[in-house]
Amino acid sequence: MASATPYKLFDVVLRQKQQLSPHLMRVTLSGPPVSEMATWAPDQRVKLFFPAQNGSPSRLAQSEGWYNRFRAMLADRRPAMRTYTIRHLRAEQGEVDIDFVLHGETGPASRWALHAQPGESMQILAPDSRFSAKEAGGYEWKPPQNLKQVLLVADSTALPAAMGILDELAALAEPPQTQAFFEVESTQDMLLVPDWPGLCVEWLIREQAGAAVAGTLMVEAVRQAVLPVDASSVGQAIELADVDIDKDILWEVADLAAEGFYGWVAGESAAVMSLRKHLIKERGIPRDSLNLMGYWRYNKPGS
């Protein structure tokens, strides 16, 4: 039976946890409803609902209007909602993997990932495979058909999506020339990546560089990089709208009409803002070829 809405709430339980690195944990969630979950791209976003301040798990009703009821709940009883990326979906097995960045007890998501035990309940708002339209959105990785050159830039929060993108590119008959810059906390957080002749991955280690502010290393690395793109001076004349990243989310997506080069940049908002100016104004890379996404803001409460 077709669904009239693109997203729905899925009731799941924690099946297992896998420590991928000191600061990254893979959580496998399972349940019969997951057989109807869908994912449309390696950076597919979903919402996870964590226990409320009073410790009660999320039990939002599946019926229409759930979000208004969610917003109307008392603060200490309202589940904490955070955005994550589907890393792997095995719908036929009723399983979905979500990779968590661990940063201690500082937020409801990291705290839950550290302490949750198998069998604990959880809810996910994710695409419904029965949706009558072709797909439900919630992702930005939409490369052009004539894809020849790729730039990937990500900090730890965007690493799960970026790793999924590398997996997808590696599966192509002719993977494009790809430069990737990944900023992580320590050398132990470096993950195994696919390999093909045109791939160059540079891991940027904050611990080694003594970088206190997240995002500074990836900005500096891209500034020094020889990018695989034929840029022009057109970008210098482009007026970029100001974005107050302390109030608004920096989220600008590429134009599907772009061909050849494609960029996907995600992470701390101030870092993405700096790269936005550098890539467009100083490097002359066409604005329509870039996805620029502020996943989080340094020193602002989050996950």
Protein backbone atom coordinates (compact mmCIF):
# COMPACT_ATOMS: atom_id res chain seq x y z
CA MET A 1 0.00 0.00 0.00
CA ALA A 2 1.41 3.39 -1.03
CA SER A 3 2.14 6.03 1.59
CA ALA A 4 0.84 9.60 1.27
CA THR A 5 3.73 11.09 3.24
CA PRO A 6 7.45 10.88 2.43
CA TYR A 7 8.63 10.27 6.01
CA LYS A 8 7.32 8.21 8.88
CA LEU A 9 8.26 7.30 12.44
CA PHE A 10 9.93 3.92 12.87
CA ASP A 11 9.93 2.10 16.21
CA VAL A 12 13.26 0.29 16.63
CA VAL A 13 15.49 -1.18 19.31
CA LEU A 14 19.25 -1.10 19.76
CA ARG A 15 20.68 -4.34 18.45
CA GLN A 16 24.42 -3.74 18.86
CA LYS A 17 27.17 -1.13 19.15
CA GLN A 18 30.53 -1.23 17.39
CA GLN A 19 33.43 1.05 18.31
CA LEU A 20 34.90 2.17 14.97
CA SER A 21 37.46 4.52 16.54
CA PRO A 22 37.95 6.39 19.82
CA HIS A 23 35.46 9.05 18.70
CA LEU A 24 33.17 7.15 16.33
CA MET A 25 30.65 4.45 17.21
CA ARG A 26 28.37 2.49 14.90
CA VAL A 27 24.94 1.77 16.29
CA THR A 28 22.77 -0.89 14.67
CA LEU A 29 19.03 -0.40 15.18
CA SER A 30 16.52 -3.04 14.22
CA GLY A 31 12.84 -3.89 14.09
CA PRO A 32 10.21 -5.19 11.63
CA PRO A 33 9.15 -1.65 10.56
CA VAL A 34 12.64 -1.03 9.12
CA SER A 35 11.64 -3.25 6.18
CA GLU A 36 9.67 -0.21 4.94
CA MET A 37 12.52 2.29 5.42
CA ALA A 38 14.31 3.82 2.41
CA THR A 39 17.50 5.74 1.76
CA TRP A 40 18.11 7.68 -1.44
CA ALA A 41 21.73 8.82 -1.17
CA PRO A 42 24.85 8.27 0.97
CA ASP A 43 24.14 11.52 2.86
CA GLN A 44 20.51 10.64 3.62
CA ARG A 45 19.42 12.57 6.72
CA VAL A 46 17.08 11.16 9.36
CA LYS A 47 15.89 12.33 12.77
CA LEU A 48 16.62 10.28 15.88
CA PHE A 49 14.64 10.73 19.09
CA PHE A 50 16.54 10.25 22.35
CA PRO A 51 15.23 9.94 25.92
CA ALA A 52 13.74 13.09 27.43
CA GLN A 53 15.26 14.95 30.37
CA ASN A 54 13.22 12.80 32.75
CA GLY A 55 14.76 9.65 31.21
CA SER A 56 11.64 8.41 29.40
CA PRO A 57 12.19 6.95 25.91
CA SER A 58 10.48 8.39 22.84
CA ARG A 59 6.97 7.05 22.31
CA LEU A 60 5.57 9.46 19.75
CA ALA A 61 2.34 8.32 18.12
CA GLN A 62 2.56 7.46 14.43
CA SER A 63 -0.61 9.36 13.53
CA GLU A 64 -0.80 12.59 11.54
CA GLY A 65 0.09 15.71 13.49
CA TRP A 66 2.76 14.02 15.59
CA TYR A 67 5.15 16.97 15.23
CA ASN A 68 2.71 19.49 16.68
CA ARG A 69 2.12 17.16 19.61
CA PHE A 70 5.87 16.74 19.97
CA ARG A 71 6.38 20.51 20.14
CA ALA A 72 3.56 20.86 22.66
CA MET A 73 5.09 18.41 25.13
CA LEU A 74 6.56 19.69 28.37
CA ALA A 75 10.29 20.31 27.98
CA ASP A 76 11.35 17.62 30.48
CA ARG A 77 9.12 15.04 28.78
CA ARG A 78 9.91 15.90 25.17
CA PRO A 79 12.36 13.51 23.44
CA ALA A 80 15.59 15.09 22.25
CA MET A 81 15.56 15.17 18.44
CA ARG A 82 18.84 15.19 16.49
CA THR A 83 19.80 14.81 12.82
CA TYR A 84 21.96 11.88 11.70
CA THR A 85 22.96 10.10 8.50
CA ILE A 86 22.02 6.57 7.47
CA ARG A 87 25.33 4.75 7.01
CA HIS A 88 23.92 1.39 5.91
CA LEU A 89 20.34 0.22 5.46
CA ARG A 90 19.54 -3.49 5.28
CA ALA A 91 15.79 -3.20 4.92
CA GLU A 92 15.30 -6.88 4.10
CA GLN A 93 16.95 -7.71 7.45
CA GLY A 94 15.17 -4.95 9.34
CA GLU A 95 18.48 -3.23 10.25
CA VAL A 96 19.90 0.26 9.90
CA ASP A 97 23.37 1.52 10.90
CA ILE A 98 23.95 5.03 12.27
CA ASP A 99 27.47 6.28 13.03
CA PHE A 100 27.79 8.53 16.10
CA VAL A 101 30.55 11.01 16.90
CA LEU A 102 31.34 10.58 20.59
CA HIS A 103 32.06 13.63 22.73
CA GLY A 104 31.38 12.44 26.24
CA GLU A 105 28.35 13.43 28.29
CA THR A 106 27.91 16.80 26.61
CA GLY A 107 24.70 16.02 24.73
CA PRO A 108 21.76 13.59 24.64
CA ALA A 109 22.96 11.72 21.53
CA SER A 110 26.55 11.08 22.60
CA ARG A 111 25.36 10.25 26.13
CA TRP A 112 22.83 7.75 24.78
CA ALA A 113 25.36 6.11 22.47
CA LEU A 114 27.81 5.65 25.34
CA HIS A 115 25.36 4.13 27.81
CA ALA A 116 22.52 2.51 25.84
CA GLN A 117 22.26 -1.26 26.06
CA PRO A 118 20.93 -3.77 23.49
CA GLY A 119 17.15 -3.95 23.61
CA GLU A 120 16.58 -0.28 24.45
CA SER A 121 13.90 1.39 22.34
CA MET A 122 14.38 4.29 19.96
CA GLN A 123 12.36 6.11 17.28
CA ILE A 124 13.59 7.31 13.88
CA LEU A 125 11.93 9.65 11.40
CA ALA A 126 13.11 8.32 8.04
CA PRO A 127 11.96 8.00 4.41
CA ASP A 128 9.06 5.65 3.81
CA SER A 129 9.75 3.28 0.90
CA ARG A 130 6.01 3.14 0.21
CA PHE A 131 5.83 6.87 -0.56
CA SER A 132 4.02 7.30 -3.86
CA ALA A 133 6.52 9.76 -5.34
CA LYS A 134 9.93 8.66 -6.61
CA GLU A 135 11.84 9.65 -3.46
CA ALA A 136 11.44 11.68 -0.28
CA GLY A 137 14.42 14.04 -0.35
CA GLY A 138 16.49 14.80 2.74
CA TYR A 139 19.88 14.54 1.01
CA GLU A 140 22.17 16.72 -1.10
CA TRP A 141 24.48 14.26 -2.90
CA LYS A 142 23.06 14.62 -6.41
CA PRO A 143 26.11 14.54 -8.70
CA PRO A 144 25.80 15.34 -12.40
CA GLN A 145 25.73 12.49 -14.87
CA ASN A 146 29.01 13.63 -16.42
CA LEU A 147 30.99 13.44 -13.18
CA LYS A 148 34.74 13.76 -13.69
CA GLN A 149 36.16 15.56 -10.64
CA VAL A 150 35.00 15.51 -7.01
CA LEU A 151 35.99 17.50 -3.95
CA LEU A 152 34.96 16.11 -0.54
CA VAL A 153 35.58 18.10 2.65
CA ALA A 154 34.28 16.89 6.01
CA ASP A 155 34.93 17.02 9.72
CA SER A 156 34.01 14.18 12.09
CA THR A 157 30.30 15.02 12.09
CA ALA A 158 30.08 14.72 8.31
CA LEU A 159 32.45 11.76 8.04
CA PRO A 160 29.72 9.06 7.91
CA ALA A 161 28.13 10.72 4.89
CA ALA A 162 31.49 11.34 3.22
CA MET A 163 32.52 7.70 3.71
CA GLY A 164 29.24 6.62 2.14
CA ILE A 165 29.96 8.89 -0.82
CA LEU A 166 33.38 7.27 -1.28
CA ASP A 167 31.76 3.83 -1.21
CA GLU A 168 29.31 4.89 -3.91
CA LEU A 169 32.04 6.38 -6.11
CA ALA A 170 34.23 3.30 -5.72
CA ALA A 171 31.41 1.14 -7.07
CA LEU A 172 31.27 3.05 -10.36
CA ALA A 173 32.75 1.48 -13.48
CA GLU A 174 34.99 4.55 -13.85
CA PRO A 175 35.28 6.43 -10.54
CA PRO A 176 36.03 10.14 -10.94
CA GLN A 177 39.20 11.92 -9.89
CA THR A 178 38.53 12.69 -6.23
CA GLN A 179 40.23 14.79 -3.58
CA ALA A 180 39.05 14.31 0.01
CA PHE A 181 40.03 16.24 3.14
CA PHE A 182 38.83 14.70 6.40
CA GLU A 183 39.43 16.41 9.75
CA VAL A 184 39.35 14.14 12.80
CA GLU A 185 40.52 14.25 16.40
CA SER A 186 43.29 11.64 16.42
CA THR A 187 45.18 9.25 14.15
CA GLN A 188 43.09 6.43 15.60
CA ASP A 189 40.01 8.06 14.07
CA MET A 190 41.32 7.49 10.54
CA LEU A 191 39.05 4.95 8.84
CA LEU A 192 39.73 2.54 6.01
CA VAL A 193 38.69 4.02 2.67
CA PRO A 194 38.17 2.53 -0.79
CA ASP A 195 40.99 2.80 -3.28
CA TRP A 196 41.15 3.73 -6.94
CA PRO A 197 43.85 5.45 -9.03
CA GLY A 198 42.17 8.87 -9.02
CA LEU A 199 41.47 9.04 -5.27
CA CYS A 200 43.56 11.16 -2.88
CA VAL A 201 42.51 11.26 0.79
CA GLU A 202 44.22 13.57 3.26
CA TRP A 203 43.52 13.02 6.96
CA LEU A 204 43.85 16.16 9.08
CA ILE A 205 44.58 15.34 12.73
CA ARG A 206 43.64 17.99 15.30
CA GLU A 207 45.53 16.23 18.09
CA GLN A 208 48.80 16.35 16.17
CA ALA A 209 48.34 19.94 14.99
CA GLY A 210 47.17 21.24 18.36
CA ALA A 211 44.09 22.71 16.70
CA ALA A 212 41.63 23.69 19.40
CA VAL A 213 38.89 24.96 17.07
CA ALA A 214 37.21 22.38 14.85
CA GLY A 215 37.37 23.09 11.14
CA THR A 216 40.55 25.14 11.04
CA LEU A 217 42.64 22.30 9.60
CA MET A 218 40.28 21.52 6.73
CA VAL A 219 40.09 25.20 5.79
CA GLU A 220 43.87 25.50 5.70
CA ALA A 221 44.29 22.25 3.75
CA VAL A 222 41.86 23.29 1.03
CA ARG A 223 43.50 26.71 0.80
CA GLN A 224 46.84 25.04 0.07
CA ALA A 225 45.48 22.33 -2.22
CA VAL A 226 45.87 22.17 -5.96
CA LEU A 227 42.28 21.40 -6.83
CA PRO A 228 41.41 19.25 -9.86
CA VAL A 229 39.16 21.83 -11.49
CA ASP A 230 39.47 24.42 -14.23
CA ALA A 231 38.41 27.53 -12.34
CA SER A 232 37.80 30.94 -13.84
CA SER A 233 37.81 34.55 -12.67
CA VAL A 234 34.02 34.67 -12.80
CA GLY A 235 33.69 33.89 -9.11
CA GLN A 236 35.45 37.08 -8.11
CA ALA A 237 32.52 39.11 -9.38
CA ILE A 238 29.88 37.00 -7.64
CA GLU A 239 28.15 38.56 -4.66
CA LEU A 240 27.72 36.06 -1.84
CA ALA A 241 24.83 36.69 0.52
CA ASP A 242 25.76 37.14 4.16
CA VAL A 243 24.74 34.30 6.47
CA ASP A 244 24.58 34.82 10.24
CA ILE A 245 25.73 31.35 11.23
CA ASP A 246 24.90 31.99 14.89
CA LYS A 247 21.23 32.39 13.97
CA ASP A 248 20.77 30.64 10.64
CA ILE A 249 21.94 27.37 9.12
CA LEU A 250 24.43 27.69 6.27
CA TRP A 251 22.98 25.32 3.69
CA GLU A 252 23.55 25.93 -0.01
CA VAL A 253 23.17 23.18 -2.59
CA ALA A 254 24.57 22.57 -6.04
CA ASP A 255 22.61 22.99 -9.26
CA LEU A 256 21.79 19.75 -11.05
CA ALA A 257 22.66 21.42 -14.36
CA ALA A 258 26.35 21.57 -13.39
CA GLU A 259 28.66 19.08 -15.12
CA GLY A 260 32.18 17.76 -14.70
CA PHE A 261 33.20 19.07 -11.25
CA TYR A 262 31.16 18.54 -8.09
CA GLY A 263 31.96 19.60 -4.53
CA TRP A 264 30.48 18.39 -1.23
CA VAL A 265 31.61 20.36 1.83
CA ALA A 266 30.12 19.76 5.29
CA GLY A 267 31.07 20.35 8.90
CA GLU A 268 31.41 23.18 11.41
CA SER A 269 29.54 26.22 10.09
CA ALA A 270 32.32 28.82 10.42
CA ALA A 271 34.73 26.52 8.58
CA VAL A 272 32.22 25.89 5.79
CA MET A 273 31.59 29.65 5.60
CA SER A 274 35.32 30.27 5.10
CA LEU A 275 35.55 27.60 2.43
CA ARG A 276 32.48 29.04 0.71
CA LYS A 277 34.25 32.35 0.22
CA HIS A 278 37.59 30.76 -0.68
CA LEU A 279 36.29 28.29 -3.25
CA ILE A 280 33.90 30.68 -5.00
CA LYS A 281 35.53 34.10 -4.67
CA GLU A 282 39.23 33.17 -4.61
CA ARG A 283 39.34 29.94 -6.62
CA GLY A 284 36.58 30.86 -9.06
CA ILE A 285 34.75 27.56 -8.70
CA PRO A 286 31.17 27.89 -9.98
CA ARG A 287 28.67 28.28 -7.17
CA ASP A 288 26.34 25.80 -8.89
CA SER A 289 28.93 23.04 -8.51
CA LEU A 290 29.16 23.19 -4.71
CA ASN A 291 27.17 21.80 -1.81
CA LEU A 292 28.05 23.87 1.30
CA MET A 293 26.49 22.62 4.54
CA GLY A 294 26.97 23.75 8.10
CA TYR A 295 26.26 20.62 10.14
CA TRP A 296 26.92 22.29 13.50
CA ARG A 297 28.25 25.44 15.18
CA TYR A 298 31.33 25.49 17.43
CA ASN A 299 30.51 26.32 21.06
CA LYS A 300 26.79 26.05 20.42
CA PRO A 301 24.82 23.32 22.26
CA GLY A 302 23.99 20.44 19.98
CA SER A 303 24.08 16.64 20.00
